[in-house]
Amino acid sequence: MIAAAVVAVLVAGTVVAMVLTQKARERGPVAFNVKLKTKPGRYRPCFRLTETDTVDVAIVDATGRVVVMLADDQPLEGDDASHCFDWDGRDSSGNFPPPGRYRLQLTLRDADRVATSGERLNIGPGGPPS
């Protein structure tokens, strides 16, 4: 009896996840042309939005924790407008985060969507190369 209930819950959860995934696909990507560039003494994440929105732009670590906010509640144009942000490689406390892989996370407030880039920014000890 308990096994049947567990199976039913797992099947229901799978169906819900599939429906939500399909809805996200129907809405399309949040951004395109995402590039995480390394410049002397800084990093420069760039992207284009698919639609105009009020956006939060963050760098997140492998666990999804926000390391630093590059933009908070900033109106950005969609379509052909390219958006770039300079980052000195330091976290919100002014320290260099540990070496590892980091990603760009965009939160579109009006559309109520969050996306994390598939492209990773590899950070070595001491932040960006000089």
C-alpha atoms as a PDB file:
ATOM      1  CA  MET A   1       0.000   0.000   0.000  1.00  0.00           C
ATOM      2  CA  ILE A   2       2.776   2.449   0.931  1.00  0.00           C
ATOM      3  CA  ALA A   3       4.790   1.428  -2.131  1.00  0.00           C
ATOM      4  CA  ALA A   4       1.809   2.183  -4.396  1.00  0.00           C
ATOM      5  CA  ALA A   5       1.392   5.610  -2.787  1.00  0.00           C
ATOM      6  CA  VAL A   6       5.097   6.388  -3.269  1.00  0.00           C
ATOM      7  CA  VAL A   7       4.900   5.341  -6.922  1.00  0.00           C
ATOM      8  CA  ALA A   8       1.794   7.495  -7.435  1.00  0.00           C
ATOM      9  CA  VAL A   9       3.519  10.534  -5.905  1.00  0.00           C
ATOM     10  CA  LEU A  10       6.615   9.981  -8.066  1.00  0.00           C
ATOM     11  CA  VAL A  11       4.521   9.649 -11.232  1.00  0.00           C
ATOM     12  CA  ALA A  12       2.531  12.789 -10.380  1.00  0.00           C
ATOM     13  CA  GLY A  13       5.740  14.713  -9.680  1.00  0.00           C
ATOM     14  CA  THR A  14       7.217  13.594 -12.990  1.00  0.00           C
ATOM     15  CA  VAL A  15       4.122  14.710 -14.894  1.00  0.00           C
ATOM     16  CA  VAL A  16       4.165  18.126 -13.199  1.00  0.00           C
ATOM     17  CA  ALA A  17       7.880  18.538 -13.984  1.00  0.00           C
ATOM     18  CA  MET A  18       7.285  17.628 -17.631  1.00  0.00           C
ATOM     19  CA  VAL A  19       4.434  20.156 -17.932  1.00  0.00           C
ATOM     20  CA  LEU A  20       6.535  22.928 -16.374  1.00  0.00           C
ATOM     21  CA  THR A  21       9.485  22.097 -18.627  1.00  0.00           C
ATOM     22  CA  GLN A  22       7.276  22.211 -21.706  1.00  0.00           C
ATOM     23  CA  LYS A  23       5.823  25.582 -20.674  1.00  0.00           C
ATOM     24  CA  ALA A  24       9.350  26.967 -20.234  1.00  0.00           C
ATOM     25  CA  ARG A  25      10.288  25.708 -23.705  1.00  0.00           C
ATOM     26  CA  GLU A  26       7.224  27.358 -25.216  1.00  0.00           C
ATOM     27  CA  ARG A  27       8.302  30.702 -23.766  1.00  0.00           C
ATOM     28  CA  GLY A  28      11.729  30.362 -25.353  1.00  0.00           C
ATOM     29  CA  PRO A  29      15.090  31.486 -24.029  1.00  0.00           C
ATOM     30  CA  VAL A  30      15.525  34.474 -21.720  1.00  0.00           C
ATOM     31  CA  ALA A  31      18.730  35.686 -23.385  1.00  0.00           C
ATOM     32  CA  PHE A  32      20.993  34.885 -26.311  1.00  0.00           C
ATOM     33  CA  ASN A  33      24.565  35.636 -27.406  1.00  0.00           C
ATOM     34  CA  VAL A  34      25.701  35.136 -23.795  1.00  0.00           C
ATOM     35  CA  LYS A  35      29.458  35.602 -23.582  1.00  0.00           C
ATOM     36  CA  LEU A  36      31.559  35.604 -20.431  1.00  0.00           C
ATOM     37  CA  LYS A  37      34.710  37.400 -21.526  1.00  0.00           C
ATOM     38  CA  THR A  38      37.967  37.801 -19.622  1.00  0.00           C
ATOM     39  CA  LYS A  39      39.699  41.161 -19.987  1.00  0.00           C
ATOM     40  CA  PRO A  40      42.859  42.368 -18.217  1.00  0.00           C
ATOM     41  CA  GLY A  41      41.892  42.991 -14.587  1.00  0.00           C
ATOM     42  CA  ARG A  42      38.188  42.250 -15.083  1.00  0.00           C
ATOM     43  CA  TYR A  43      35.505  39.984 -16.429  1.00  0.00           C
ATOM     44  CA  ARG A  44      32.913  41.218 -18.900  1.00  0.00           C
ATOM     45  CA  PRO A  45      29.672  39.244 -19.155  1.00  0.00           C
ATOM     46  CA  CYS A  46      27.592  40.264 -22.181  1.00  0.00           C
ATOM     47  CA  PHE A  47      24.196  39.143 -23.458  1.00  0.00           C
ATOM     48  CA  ARG A  48      21.120  40.129 -25.447  1.00  0.00           C
ATOM     49  CA  LEU A  49      17.630  39.774 -23.994  1.00  0.00           C
ATOM     50  CA  THR A  50      14.772  38.291 -25.986  1.00  0.00           C
ATOM     51  CA  GLU A  51      12.410  40.907 -24.550  1.00  0.00           C
ATOM     52  CA  THR A  52      12.564  44.248 -22.746  1.00  0.00           C
ATOM     53  CA  ASP A  53      12.301  43.787 -18.979  1.00  0.00           C
ATOM     54  CA  THR A  54      13.495  44.945 -15.575  1.00  0.00           C
ATOM     55  CA  VAL A  55      16.456  42.708 -14.830  1.00  0.00           C
ATOM     56  CA  ASP A  56      18.722  41.559 -12.011  1.00  0.00           C
ATOM     57  CA  VAL A  57      22.154  40.443 -13.245  1.00  0.00           C
ATOM     58  CA  ALA A  58      24.222  38.268 -10.916  1.00  0.00           C
ATOM     59  CA  ILE A  59      27.267  36.039 -10.896  1.00  0.00           C
ATOM     60  CA  VAL A  60      26.506  32.737  -9.133  1.00  0.00           C
ATOM     61  CA  ASP A  61      28.731  29.885  -7.968  1.00  0.00           C
ATOM     62  CA  ALA A  62      28.298  26.182  -8.763  1.00  0.00           C
ATOM     63  CA  THR A  63      25.628  25.830  -6.057  1.00  0.00           C
ATOM     64  CA  GLY A  64      23.582  28.769  -7.384  1.00  0.00           C
ATOM     65  CA  ARG A  65      24.583  31.113  -4.544  1.00  0.00           C
ATOM     66  CA  VAL A  66      24.839  34.745  -5.635  1.00  0.00           C
ATOM     67  CA  VAL A  67      28.468  35.878  -5.443  1.00  0.00           C
ATOM     68  CA  VAL A  68      27.842  39.445  -6.619  1.00  0.00           C
ATOM     69  CA  MET A  69      25.002  41.477  -8.137  1.00  0.00           C
ATOM     70  CA  LEU A  70      26.075  43.392 -11.239  1.00  0.00           C
ATOM     71  CA  ALA A  71      22.678  45.045 -11.719  1.00  0.00           C
ATOM     72  CA  ASP A  72      19.619  45.228  -9.489  1.00  0.00           C
ATOM     73  CA  ASP A  73      16.172  46.120 -10.829  1.00  0.00           C
ATOM     74  CA  GLN A  74      17.618  47.661 -14.008  1.00  0.00           C
ATOM     75  CA  PRO A  75      15.424  48.270 -17.077  1.00  0.00           C
ATOM     76  CA  LEU A  76      17.070  46.691 -20.140  1.00  0.00           C
ATOM     77  CA  GLU A  77      15.993  46.642 -23.773  1.00  0.00           C
ATOM     78  CA  GLY A  78      15.366  43.395 -25.631  1.00  0.00           C
ATOM     79  CA  ASP A  79      15.987  42.215 -29.187  1.00  0.00           C
ATOM     80  CA  ASP A  80      18.998  43.902 -30.797  1.00  0.00           C
ATOM     81  CA  ALA A  81      20.362  45.690 -27.707  1.00  0.00           C
ATOM     82  CA  SER A  82      23.566  44.199 -26.321  1.00  0.00           C
ATOM     83  CA  HIS A  83      24.196  44.508 -22.588  1.00  0.00           C
ATOM     84  CA  CYS A  84      27.636  44.197 -20.988  1.00  0.00           C
ATOM     85  CA  PHE A  85      28.734  44.562 -17.383  1.00  0.00           C
ATOM     86  CA  ASP A  86      32.233  44.956 -15.977  1.00  0.00           C
ATOM     87  CA  TRP A  87      33.134  42.876 -12.945  1.00  0.00           C
ATOM     88  CA  ASP A  88      36.427  43.129 -11.066  1.00  0.00           C
ATOM     89  CA  GLY A  89      36.125  39.519  -9.903  1.00  0.00           C
ATOM     90  CA  ARG A  90      35.328  40.376  -6.286  1.00  0.00           C
ATOM     91  CA  ASP A  91      32.307  39.170  -4.338  1.00  0.00           C
ATOM     92  CA  SER A  92      29.809  41.417  -2.542  1.00  0.00           C
ATOM     93  CA  SER A  93      32.208  41.660   0.433  1.00  0.00           C
ATOM     94  CA  GLY A  94      35.103  42.858  -1.728  1.00  0.00           C
ATOM     95  CA  ASN A  95      36.994  39.560  -1.618  1.00  0.00           C
ATOM     96  CA  PHE A  96      37.985  37.292  -4.487  1.00  0.00           C
ATOM     97  CA  PRO A  97      35.811  34.169  -4.451  1.00  0.00           C
ATOM     98  CA  PRO A  98      37.512  30.774  -4.408  1.00  0.00           C
ATOM     99  CA  PRO A  99      38.764  29.425  -7.730  1.00  0.00           C
ATOM    100  CA  GLY A 100      36.059  27.589  -9.608  1.00  0.00           C
ATOM    101  CA  ARG A 101      33.368  27.823 -12.236  1.00  0.00           C
ATOM    102  CA  TYR A 102      30.850  30.627 -12.091  1.00  0.00           C
ATOM    103  CA  ARG A 103      27.820  31.507 -14.211  1.00  0.00           C
ATOM    104  CA  LEU A 104      25.725  34.486 -15.172  1.00  0.00           C
ATOM    105  CA  GLN A 105      22.195  34.532 -13.755  1.00  0.00           C
ATOM    106  CA  LEU A 106      19.467  36.783 -15.143  1.00  0.00           C
ATOM    107  CA  THR A 107      16.196  37.472 -13.359  1.00  0.00           C
ATOM    108  CA  LEU A 108      13.511  39.072 -15.525  1.00  0.00           C
ATOM    109  CA  ARG A 109      11.176  40.644 -13.011  1.00  0.00           C
ATOM    110  CA  ASP A 110       8.274  41.606 -15.284  1.00  0.00           C
ATOM    111  CA  ALA A 111       8.222  38.202 -16.987  1.00  0.00           C
ATOM    112  CA  ASP A 112       8.838  36.416 -13.651  1.00  0.00           C
ATOM    113  CA  ARG A 113      11.627  34.285 -15.134  1.00  0.00           C
ATOM    114  CA  VAL A 114      15.103  33.302 -13.954  1.00  0.00           C
ATOM    115  CA  ALA A 115      17.800  31.822 -16.183  1.00  0.00           C
ATOM    116  CA  THR A 116      21.369  30.763 -15.502  1.00  0.00           C
ATOM    117  CA  SER A 117      23.812  30.639 -18.392  1.00  0.00           C
ATOM    118  CA  GLY A 118      25.152  27.346 -19.607  1.00  0.00           C
ATOM    119  CA  GLU A 119      28.455  29.064 -20.308  1.00  0.00           C
ATOM    120  CA  ARG A 120      30.844  28.994 -17.361  1.00  0.00           C
ATOM    121  CA  LEU A 121      33.418  31.528 -16.297  1.00  0.00           C
ATOM    122  CA  ASN A 122      36.496  29.816 -14.879  1.00  0.00           C
ATOM    123  CA  ILE A 123      38.044  31.901 -12.126  1.00  0.00           C
ATOM    124  CA  GLY A 124      41.540  31.165 -10.876  1.00  0.00           C
ATOM    125  CA  PRO A 125      43.168  32.278  -7.624  1.00  0.00           C
ATOM    126  CA  GLY A 126      43.311  36.044  -7.142  1.00  0.00           C
ATOM    127  CA  GLY A 127      40.559  36.992  -9.571  1.00  0.00           C
ATOM    128  CA  PRO A 128      40.924  38.085 -13.195  1.00  0.00           C
ATOM    129  CA  PRO A 129      44.258  37.947 -15.000  1.00  0.00           C
ATOM    130  CA  SER A 130      46.145  41.216 -15.261  1.00  0.00           C
END
